[in-house]
C-alpha cells in the first residue's frame, strides 16, 4: 500500500495515476496509439493527462476517468513542433464535456501563441448530455479557436474513426483526411502517414517560409541547367495539340502530392522545385463549378501559408456560371504570394482570363510555342470574323500575346524547369502593399 506521508509514496502515487491515464478503461485506446504514432519517437509531451470532469449529476461523480476522453499534447513531426489532440471514443461514447472542451481550447491557444500547426484526430463531437448546455458551449469555443487559427497556423483534421459528428471541426481545417475530405485513407496507418506528409509541405505558420528539403541547387544559366529529362518535354505535346498536364507536372516538379482528387475538373496539390514547396494547379477539360471552388480554396491555402503557386494551363473557353468561376478568379487575383503560369496549350477567352493571365495577377507568365492564346478557338473565330478556320488558325499562337507583353517569354518545353527555378528565386522577394480593408466580399 502506498504511503502518502513519504516522498517516495507520493511519487509512486503519481506514477500510478499516470499509468491509469494511459489506459483509463483498462487498455490502451486507439486514440493514444494514433497520437503516439503521429509524433517522432519519444517526442510526444502530453498535457492535462490527469484532467477529469467535475460533474455530479446523474451519478457521474462515481465515474471520472482520466483524460476525460481526449488526449492532448505536443511534440515533433519530422523534427518540427506540432500540437495535436486525439479523441477517445471509448470514454463516454466519445461525447464532449466541459473539461474535454477546456483541454482542446487550451491546446489551440498554445498552438496559436507558439505558431505551430495543430492536428485534430477526430472520433466524435457530440455534446455530453449529462453535463448540459455547457457541452455545446465548449463546442462553440473550439470552433471559435479554429476560426482564429485559420490562416495563422496550418490545421489538419483526420477523422480516424467512423464519425458523422465532426463535420464542423473538419470543415474549418485547411486539410481534412476523411472519406469525403481532401484526402482519404485506407487504414489508420495510412491516415497517420498522410498527416505527416501534408505537414511536410506546410510551413509552421503564416510568417514562416514554405519548407524546403535538401536538394541540389541549380548553378548557371537556364540553358546550362537543362537535362536530358527536360529535353523529353519537347515531345510531350502531340502534333494535334493534345497534352496530359499531369505528365507535365510530374516532369517539372518533384514529390507531387495531389489534394482532393475526387473533384476531377482541376488538379491541385503540392510539389517541390529545387527542394522548395510549391502549390500546383493544372486545369482539366471538365473544369466546372466544383473544380472552381476547389481551385479557389487551394489558392487561399497557398496564399495563407506563403507557398508560391504554379499554374499549368491548357484551358478552352470555360463553360460554367460566372458566379462559380468568380470564386477562383477572386481567390487568384487577391493572392499576394508569388504566382507563375506556364501556358502549355489552349488559353482561350475565359480560360485565358482565369488561368495564366498576367492582368489577373500572375507575376510571370511563360508560354510554350504550342500555346494557343486567343479569345476563342479556330471554329468560333472563323464564325465571328467570317473567315475560314485555316485563316483563323493564324491567330492561335503565343506570339501576339508575346508582342503585347501579355506573356513574359515564349520558352521551349525543355527550358520550363530551369525557368521556374529562376522565377521562384526572384519571387521570394515579392512584396505587395495591402489596402486598408478587412476582406473581400464573395461567397466561397
Protein backbone atom coordinates (compact mmCIF):
# COMPACT_ATOMS: atom_id res chain seq x y z
CA UNK A 1 0.00 0.00 0.00
CA UNK A 2 1.33 3.43 -0.96
CA UNK A 3 2.45 5.53 1.98
CA UNK A 4 1.26 9.04 1.08
CA UNK A 5 3.19 10.52 4.01
CA UNK A 6 6.53 9.93 2.27
CA UNK A 7 8.06 11.50 -0.81
CA UNK A 8 8.59 8.07 -2.33
CA UNK A 9 4.94 7.26 -1.74
CA UNK A 10 3.78 10.47 -3.42
CA UNK A 11 5.99 9.78 -6.44
CA UNK A 12 4.63 6.24 -6.62
CA UNK A 13 1.07 7.59 -6.44
CA UNK A 14 1.78 9.95 -9.36
CA UNK A 15 3.19 7.07 -11.37
CA UNK A 16 0.06 5.02 -10.68
CA UNK A 17 -2.20 7.88 -11.77
CA UNK A 18 -0.25 8.42 -14.99
CA UNK A 19 -0.33 4.71 -15.73
CA UNK A 20 -4.09 4.72 -15.26
CA UNK A 21 -4.46 7.78 -17.51
CA UNK A 22 -2.80 5.91 -20.37
CA UNK A 23 -5.44 3.18 -20.20
CA UNK A 24 -8.40 4.66 -18.31
CA UNK A 25 -10.74 1.88 -19.44
CA UNK A 26 -8.24 -0.91 -18.78
CA UNK A 27 -6.46 -1.00 -22.14
CA UNK A 28 -4.62 1.50 -24.30
CA UNK A 29 -7.22 3.19 -26.53
CA UNK A 30 -6.86 3.60 -30.29
CA UNK A 31 -6.63 7.36 -29.81
CA UNK A 32 -3.42 7.05 -27.79
CA UNK A 33 -1.91 4.61 -30.27
CA UNK A 34 -2.74 7.01 -33.10
CA UNK A 35 -1.31 10.13 -31.47
CA UNK A 36 1.83 8.26 -30.42
CA UNK A 37 2.33 7.02 -33.98
CA UNK A 38 1.92 10.57 -35.34
CA UNK A 39 4.87 12.05 -33.45
CA UNK A 40 8.56 11.31 -33.77
CA UNK A 41 9.56 8.53 -31.40
CA UNK A 42 9.81 9.75 -27.81
CA UNK A 43 8.88 13.36 -28.62
CA UNK A 44 5.22 13.45 -27.52
CA UNK A 45 4.58 15.52 -24.40
CA UNK A 46 1.07 15.05 -23.04
CA UNK A 47 -0.87 17.91 -21.45
CA UNK A 48 -3.71 17.59 -18.95
CA UNK A 49 -3.32 13.83 -18.67
CA UNK A 50 -4.91 13.84 -15.21
CA UNK A 51 -7.86 16.08 -16.12
CA UNK A 52 -11.28 14.70 -15.11
CA UNK A 53 -14.81 16.04 -15.38
CA UNK A 54 -16.33 17.78 -12.36
CA UNK A 55 -19.99 16.91 -12.98
CA UNK A 56 -22.05 15.44 -10.13
CA UNK A 57 -25.38 14.95 -11.92
CA UNK A 58 -26.74 11.51 -12.83
CA UNK A 59 -24.22 9.78 -10.56
CA UNK A 60 -21.29 10.98 -12.65
CA UNK A 61 -19.18 11.71 -9.58
CA UNK A 62 -18.52 7.96 -9.40
CA UNK A 63 -17.29 7.69 -13.00
CA UNK A 64 -14.38 10.07 -13.56
CA UNK A 65 -11.76 8.55 -15.90
CA UNK A 66 -8.55 10.42 -16.51
CA UNK A 67 -8.15 12.41 -19.78
CA UNK A 68 -11.96 12.89 -19.90
CA UNK A 69 -11.99 11.39 -23.38
CA UNK A 70 -9.39 13.42 -25.28
CA UNK A 71 -5.60 13.12 -25.39
CA UNK A 72 -3.79 16.43 -25.93
CA UNK A 73 -0.16 17.42 -26.26
CA UNK A 74 2.72 18.46 -28.46
CA UNK A 75 5.92 17.09 -29.90
CA UNK A 76 7.77 16.91 -33.19
CA UNK A 77 6.66 15.51 -36.54
CA UNK A 78 9.55 15.22 -38.95
CA UNK A 79 11.60 17.26 -36.50
CA UNK A 80 9.15 20.20 -36.47
CA UNK A 81 6.97 21.21 -33.49
CA UNK A 82 3.27 20.32 -33.75
CA UNK A 83 0.32 20.36 -31.32
CA UNK A 84 -2.25 17.58 -31.61
CA UNK A 85 -5.28 16.07 -29.95
CA UNK A 86 -6.95 12.70 -30.39
CA UNK A 87 -10.50 12.00 -29.26
CA UNK A 88 -11.04 8.76 -27.36
CA UNK A 89 -14.33 7.17 -28.36
CA UNK A 90 -14.12 4.59 -25.56
CA UNK A 91 -14.85 7.18 -22.85
CA UNK A 92 -18.48 8.32 -22.54
CA UNK A 93 -19.08 7.20 -26.15
CA UNK A 94 -16.76 9.95 -27.39
CA UNK A 95 -19.05 12.76 -26.19
CA UNK A 96 -17.67 16.17 -25.28
CA UNK A 97 -17.95 17.61 -21.81
CA UNK A 98 -16.69 20.77 -20.15
CA UNK A 99 -13.20 19.59 -19.19
CA UNK A 100 -12.81 17.83 -22.54
CA UNK A 101 -13.54 21.14 -24.30
CA UNK A 102 -11.25 23.08 -21.99
CA UNK A 103 -8.36 20.77 -22.86
CA UNK A 104 -8.80 21.34 -26.59
CA UNK A 105 -9.17 25.11 -26.33
CA UNK A 106 -6.04 25.28 -24.17
CA UNK A 107 -4.19 23.37 -26.88
CA UNK A 108 -5.44 25.73 -29.59
CA UNK A 109 -4.29 28.70 -27.51
CA UNK A 110 -0.87 27.10 -27.11
CA UNK A 111 -0.55 26.40 -30.84
CA UNK A 112 -1.62 29.93 -31.79
CA UNK A 113 0.76 31.57 -29.29
CA UNK A 114 3.74 29.46 -30.33
CA UNK A 115 2.96 29.48 -34.07
CA UNK A 116 2.89 25.74 -34.72
CA UNK A 117 0.44 23.56 -36.70
CA UNK A 118 -2.40 21.77 -34.93
CA UNK A 119 -3.63 18.30 -35.81
CA UNK A 120 -7.09 17.08 -34.77
CA UNK A 121 -7.68 13.34 -34.77
CA UNK A 122 -11.43 13.26 -34.55
CA UNK A 123 -13.68 10.45 -33.35
CA UNK A 124 -16.79 12.42 -32.40
CA UNK A 125 -18.04 15.79 -31.22
CA UNK A 126 -21.46 15.09 -29.75
CA UNK A 127 -22.16 17.15 -26.64
CA UNK A 128 -22.28 15.22 -23.36
CA UNK A 129 -25.95 15.49 -22.45
CA UNK A 130 -25.31 14.71 -18.78
CA UNK A 131 -23.32 17.97 -18.45
CA UNK A 132 -25.98 20.12 -20.06
CA UNK A 133 -25.61 23.16 -22.29
CA UNK A 134 -22.02 23.78 -21.18
CA UNK A 135 -21.06 20.92 -23.52
CA UNK A 136 -22.44 22.83 -26.50
CA UNK A 137 -20.70 25.96 -25.24
CA UNK A 138 -17.42 24.03 -25.35
CA UNK A 139 -18.09 23.07 -28.96
CA UNK A 140 -18.65 26.72 -29.83
CA UNK A 141 -15.46 27.69 -28.00
CA UNK A 142 -13.43 25.18 -30.03
CA UNK A 143 -14.95 26.38 -33.30
CA UNK A 144 -14.11 29.98 -32.37
CA UNK A 145 -10.49 28.97 -31.70
CA UNK A 146 -10.31 27.11 -35.01
CA UNK A 147 -11.61 30.23 -36.76
CA UNK A 148 -8.97 32.38 -35.05
CA UNK A 149 -6.29 29.88 -36.05
CA UNK A 150 -7.40 29.84 -39.69
CA UNK A 151 -4.72 31.46 -41.83
CA UNK A 152 -2.36 31.76 -38.85
CA UNK A 153 -1.31 28.14 -38.38
CA UNK A 154 -1.98 25.06 -40.51
CA UNK A 155 -4.87 22.92 -39.27
CA UNK A 156 -5.09 19.29 -40.33
CA UNK A 157 -8.08 17.21 -39.24
CA UNK A 158 -8.22 13.43 -39.58
CA UNK A 159 -11.45 11.58 -38.95
CA UNK A 160 -9.76 8.43 -37.69
CA UNK A 161 -12.97 6.70 -36.61
CA UNK A 162 -16.46 6.43 -38.09
CA UNK A 163 -17.78 9.85 -37.20
CA UNK A 164 -20.54 11.96 -38.70
CA UNK A 165 -20.48 14.44 -35.82
CA UNK A 166 -17.14 16.08 -36.57
CA UNK A 167 -18.19 17.92 -39.71
CA UNK A 168 -17.78 21.46 -38.32
CA UNK A 169 -14.30 20.84 -36.95
CA UNK A 170 -13.28 19.11 -40.17
CA UNK A 171 -14.83 21.79 -42.36
CA UNK A 172 -12.76 24.51 -40.67
CA UNK A 173 -9.48 22.67 -41.25
CA UNK A 174 -7.04 23.50 -44.02
CA UNK A 175 -6.75 19.83 -44.96
CA UNK A 176 -9.19 17.10 -43.94
CA UNK A 177 -8.48 13.39 -44.14
CA UNK A 178 -11.80 11.55 -44.30
CA UNK A 179 -13.89 9.57 -46.79
CA UNK A 180 -15.39 12.86 -48.02
CA UNK A 181 -12.35 15.03 -47.26
CA UNK A 182 -9.41 16.40 -49.23
CA UNK A 183 -7.65 13.07 -48.75
CA UNK A 184 -8.94 9.60 -47.98
CA UNK A 185 -7.03 6.97 -46.03
CA UNK A 186 -7.26 3.21 -46.47
CA UNK A 187 -6.20 2.46 -42.89
CA UNK A 188 -5.21 4.17 -39.65
CA UNK A 189 -1.53 3.72 -40.52
CA UNK A 190 -2.14 5.29 -43.93
CA UNK A 191 -4.01 8.14 -42.24
CA UNK A 192 -1.04 8.88 -39.97
CA UNK A 193 1.31 8.80 -42.97
CA UNK A 194 -0.93 11.25 -44.84
CA UNK A 195 -0.95 13.68 -41.90
CA UNK A 196 2.84 13.54 -41.74
CA UNK A 197 3.12 14.06 -45.50
CA UNK A 198 0.76 17.06 -45.51
CA UNK A 199 2.69 18.68 -42.66
CA UNK A 200 5.95 18.23 -44.56
CA UNK A 201 4.71 20.62 -47.28
CA UNK A 202 3.30 23.32 -44.98
CA UNK A 203 5.23 25.96 -43.01
CA UNK A 204 4.82 26.25 -39.26
CA UNK A 205 2.68 29.38 -39.55
CA UNK A 206 1.72 32.30 -41.79
CA UNK A 207 5.01 34.13 -41.19
CA UNK A 208 7.29 31.21 -41.90
CA UNK A 209 8.64 30.33 -45.32
CA UNK A 210 7.40 27.29 -47.18
CA UNK A 211 9.60 24.38 -46.10
CA UNK A 212 12.50 23.18 -48.21
CA UNK A 213 14.18 19.82 -48.47
CA UNK A 214 17.83 19.22 -49.20
CA UNK A 215 18.03 19.27 -52.99
CA UNK A 216 20.78 20.11 -55.46
CA UNK A 217 20.77 23.82 -56.26
CA UNK A 218 20.94 24.93 -59.87
CA UNK A 219 24.11 26.81 -60.73
CA UNK A 220 24.48 28.59 -64.05
CA UNK A 221 22.12 29.78 -66.76
CA UNK A 222 18.78 28.28 -67.77
CA UNK A 223 20.38 26.69 -70.83
CA UNK A 224 23.22 25.21 -68.79
CA UNK A 225 20.79 23.52 -66.44
CA UNK A 226 18.57 21.75 -68.98
CA UNK A 227 18.91 17.98 -68.61
CA UNK A 228 18.11 15.01 -70.82
CA UNK A 229 14.86 14.57 -68.86
CA UNK A 230 13.97 18.18 -69.62
CA UNK A 231 14.54 17.60 -73.34
CA UNK A 232 11.85 14.89 -73.26
CA UNK A 233 9.28 17.63 -72.63
CA UNK A 234 9.83 18.89 -76.17
CA UNK A 235 7.77 15.96 -77.46
CA UNK A 236 5.09 15.83 -74.74
CA UNK A 237 2.56 17.85 -76.79
CA UNK A 238 1.29 15.88 -79.79
CA UNK A 239 1.16 17.45 -83.24
CA UNK A 240 -2.62 17.62 -82.82
CA UNK A 241 -2.16 19.70 -79.66
CA UNK A 242 -3.16 17.04 -77.13
CA UNK A 243 -1.24 17.08 -73.86
CA UNK A 244 -1.53 15.47 -70.42
CA UNK A 245 -0.89 18.32 -67.98
CA UNK A 246 -0.42 15.86 -65.13
CA UNK A 247 2.51 14.35 -67.03
CA UNK A 248 3.92 17.86 -67.46
CA UNK A 249 3.58 18.50 -63.73
CA UNK A 250 5.32 15.22 -62.87
CA UNK A 251 8.14 16.02 -65.28
CA UNK A 252 8.76 19.52 -63.93
CA UNK A 253 8.12 19.11 -60.18
CA UNK A 254 9.38 16.60 -57.61
CA UNK A 255 7.37 14.84 -54.88
CA UNK A 256 4.00 15.71 -56.43
CA UNK A 257 1.15 15.17 -53.96
CA UNK A 258 -2.48 15.67 -55.06
CA UNK A 259 -5.24 17.02 -52.82
CA UNK A 260 -8.97 16.38 -53.30
CA UNK A 261 -8.54 14.06 -56.28
CA UNK A 262 -12.25 13.19 -56.22
CA UNK A 263 -13.02 16.58 -57.82
CA UNK A 264 -11.69 15.78 -61.27
CA UNK A 265 -12.05 19.12 -63.07
CA UNK A 266 -8.73 20.51 -61.86
CA UNK A 267 -5.51 19.18 -60.36
CA UNK A 268 -4.46 20.84 -57.12
CA UNK A 269 -1.61 19.70 -54.97
CA UNK A 270 1.85 20.27 -53.63
CA UNK A 271 5.22 19.56 -55.16
CA UNK A 272 8.81 20.66 -54.83
CA UNK A 273 11.07 22.62 -57.14
CA UNK A 274 14.72 22.83 -56.11
CA UNK A 275 13.55 21.49 -52.73
CA UNK A 276 11.05 24.33 -52.24
CA UNK A 277 7.36 23.59 -51.61
CA UNK A 278 5.10 24.91 -54.36
CA UNK A 279 1.35 24.79 -54.85
CA UNK A 280 0.36 23.37 -58.23
CA UNK A 281 -2.81 23.97 -60.27
CA UNK A 282 -3.43 22.29 -63.62
CA UNK A 283 -6.82 22.63 -65.26
CA UNK A 284 -8.64 19.77 -66.94
CA UNK A 285 -11.23 19.77 -69.69
CA UNK A 286 -14.03 19.16 -67.18
CA UNK A 287 -13.44 22.38 -65.23
CA UNK A 288 -16.80 23.04 -63.56
CA UNK A 289 -18.29 24.75 -60.50
CA UNK A 290 -16.89 22.14 -58.10
CA UNK A 291 -13.45 22.47 -59.69
CA UNK A 292 -13.59 26.27 -59.43
CA UNK A 293 -14.43 26.07 -55.71
CA UNK A 294 -11.66 23.50 -55.19
CA UNK A 295 -9.07 25.63 -57.00
CA UNK A 296 -10.16 28.78 -55.12
CA UNK A 297 -9.80 27.11 -51.75
CA UNK A 298 -6.37 25.74 -52.68
CA UNK A 299 -5.18 29.19 -53.79
CA UNK A 300 -6.28 30.62 -50.43
CA UNK A 301 -4.44 27.84 -48.60
CA UNK A 302 -1.22 28.53 -50.52
CA UNK A 303 -1.56 32.28 -50.08
CA UNK A 304 -2.17 31.97 -46.33
CA UNK A 305 0.99 29.94 -45.84
CA UNK A 306 3.49 31.60 -48.17
CA UNK A 307 3.51 28.86 -50.78
CA UNK A 308 4.16 30.06 -54.36
CA UNK A 309 1.60 28.96 -56.94
CA UNK A 310 2.43 27.33 -60.28
CA UNK A 311 -0.29 27.09 -62.92
CA UNK A 312 -0.03 24.75 -65.88
CA UNK A 313 -2.55 25.81 -68.49
CA UNK A 314 -4.44 24.08 -71.28
CA UNK A 315 -7.81 25.80 -70.98
CA UNK A 316 -10.54 26.21 -73.58
CA UNK A 317 -13.17 28.90 -73.06
CA UNK A 318 -14.81 27.84 -69.79
CA UNK A 319 -18.45 26.81 -69.80
CA UNK A 320 -19.71 27.44 -66.27
CA UNK A 321 -21.75 30.03 -64.44
CA UNK A 322 -19.94 33.29 -63.85
CA UNK A 323 -20.71 33.12 -60.10
CA UNK A 324 -18.92 29.78 -59.92
CA UNK A 325 -15.91 30.96 -61.92
CA UNK A 326 -15.74 34.14 -59.81
CA UNK A 327 -14.69 32.10 -56.76
CA UNK A 328 -11.46 31.05 -58.44
CA UNK A 329 -10.87 34.40 -60.15
CA UNK A 330 -11.33 36.28 -56.87
CA UNK A 331 -9.04 33.99 -54.90
CA UNK A 332 -6.27 34.08 -57.51
CA UNK A 333 -6.39 37.82 -58.04
CA UNK A 334 -6.40 38.51 -54.28
CA UNK A 335 -3.47 36.18 -53.52
CA UNK A 336 -0.25 38.07 -52.77
CA UNK A 337 2.08 35.07 -52.85
CA UNK A 338 4.31 34.55 -55.89
CA UNK A 339 2.30 33.33 -58.92
CA UNK A 340 3.74 31.80 -62.08
CA UNK A 341 1.86 30.41 -65.09
CA UNK A 342 3.05 28.09 -67.84
CA UNK A 343 0.69 28.13 -70.84
CA UNK A 344 1.22 24.75 -72.46
CA UNK A 345 -1.74 24.53 -74.83
CA UNK A 346 -5.01 26.40 -75.09
CA UNK A 347 -5.71 29.64 -73.27
CA UNK A 348 -8.95 30.71 -74.89
CA UNK A 349 -11.22 33.51 -73.72
CA UNK A 350 -12.33 32.94 -70.14
CA UNK A 351 -9.83 30.09 -69.93
CA UNK A 352 -7.03 32.60 -70.56
CA UNK A 353 -8.50 35.09 -68.08
CA UNK A 354 -8.84 32.57 -65.23
CA UNK A 355 -5.66 30.59 -65.92
CA UNK A 356 -2.36 32.28 -66.54
CA UNK A 357 -3.45 35.85 -67.12
CA UNK A 358 -0.87 38.42 -66.03
CA UNK A 359 -3.61 41.03 -65.76
CA UNK A 360 -5.41 38.85 -63.22
CA UNK A 361 -2.28 38.63 -61.10
CA UNK A 362 0.32 36.22 -62.47
CA UNK A 363 3.73 37.70 -61.66
CA UNK A 364 5.40 35.85 -64.51
CA UNK A 365 3.78 34.05 -67.41
CA UNK A 366 5.59 31.78 -69.84
CA UNK A 367 4.15 30.19 -72.96
CA UNK A 368 5.29 27.19 -74.93
CA UNK A 369 5.37 27.51 -78.73
CA UNK A 370 2.46 25.04 -78.72
CA UNK A 371 0.29 27.54 -76.81
CA UNK A 372 -2.90 28.94 -78.32
CA UNK A 373 -3.61 32.31 -76.70
CA UNK A 374 -6.73 33.81 -78.23
CA UNK A 375 -10.27 34.95 -77.46
CA UNK A 376 -11.72 31.70 -78.84
CA UNK A 377 -10.86 28.53 -80.74
CA UNK A 378 -10.48 28.39 -84.53
CA UNK A 379 -14.09 27.43 -85.21
CA UNK A 380 -15.52 30.24 -83.10
CA UNK A 381 -13.07 32.78 -84.50
CA UNK A 382 -13.90 31.75 -88.05
CA UNK A 383 -17.60 32.23 -87.42
CA UNK A 384 -17.14 35.56 -85.63
CA UNK A 385 -14.72 37.02 -88.19
CA UNK A 386 -16.35 35.35 -91.20
CA UNK A 387 -13.11 33.75 -92.33
CA UNK A 388 -12.03 30.17 -92.84
CA UNK A 389 -10.79 28.04 -89.96
CA UNK A 390 -7.41 27.86 -91.68
CA UNK A 391 -7.19 31.66 -91.63
CA UNK A 392 -8.45 31.76 -88.03
CA UNK A 393 -5.72 29.32 -87.02
CA UNK A 394 -3.14 32.01 -87.72
CA UNK A 395 -4.44 33.84 -84.65
CA UNK A 396 -3.90 30.79 -82.43
CA UNK A 397 -0.31 31.25 -81.34
CA UNK A 398 1.56 32.70 -78.36
CA UNK A 399 3.23 35.41 -80.39
CA UNK A 400 0.54 38.10 -80.44
CA UNK A 401 0.43 37.82 -76.64
CA UNK A 402 4.24 38.00 -76.51
CA UNK A 403 4.26 41.11 -78.72
CA UNK A 404 1.90 42.83 -76.29
CA UNK A 405 3.74 41.72 -73.15
CA UNK A 406 0.85 39.50 -72.05
CA UNK A 407 3.34 36.68 -71.58
CA UNK A 408 6.88 37.36 -70.41
CA UNK A 409 8.55 34.87 -72.70
CA UNK A 410 7.93 32.06 -75.13
CA UNK A 411 10.14 29.20 -73.99
CA UNK A 412 10.86 25.69 -75.18
CA UNK A 413 9.25 22.99 -73.06
CA UNK A 414 12.73 21.77 -72.15
CA UNK A 415 13.51 25.13 -70.53
CA UNK A 416 10.47 25.01 -68.23
CA UNK A 417 12.01 23.57 -65.07
CA UNK A 418 15.06 25.81 -65.14
CA UNK A 419 12.89 28.86 -65.91
CA UNK A 420 10.62 28.07 -62.96
CA UNK A 421 13.62 27.77 -60.64
CA UNK A 422 14.90 31.20 -61.65
CA UNK A 423 11.42 32.71 -61.35
CA UNK A 424 10.85 31.30 -57.86
CA UNK A 425 14.19 32.67 -56.68
CA UNK A 426 13.09 36.13 -57.80
CA UNK A 427 9.57 35.83 -56.36
CA UNK A 428 10.99 35.07 -52.91
CA UNK A 429 11.46 38.85 -52.70
CA UNK A 430 7.92 39.74 -53.73
CA UNK A 431 6.29 42.44 -51.57
CA UNK A 432 2.72 43.58 -52.11
CA UNK A 433 1.37 46.51 -50.05
CA UNK A 434 -2.22 45.85 -48.98
CA UNK A 435 -5.11 48.28 -48.99
CA UNK A 436 -6.77 49.12 -45.65
CA UNK A 437 -9.79 46.81 -45.94
CA UNK A 438 -10.97 43.91 -43.80
CA UNK A 439 -11.52 41.39 -46.59
CA UNK A 440 -13.08 40.91 -49.99
CA UNK A 441 -16.76 40.01 -50.20
CA UNK A 442 -17.59 36.88 -52.16
CA UNK A 443 -19.49 33.73 -51.34
CA UNK A 444 -16.93 30.92 -51.08
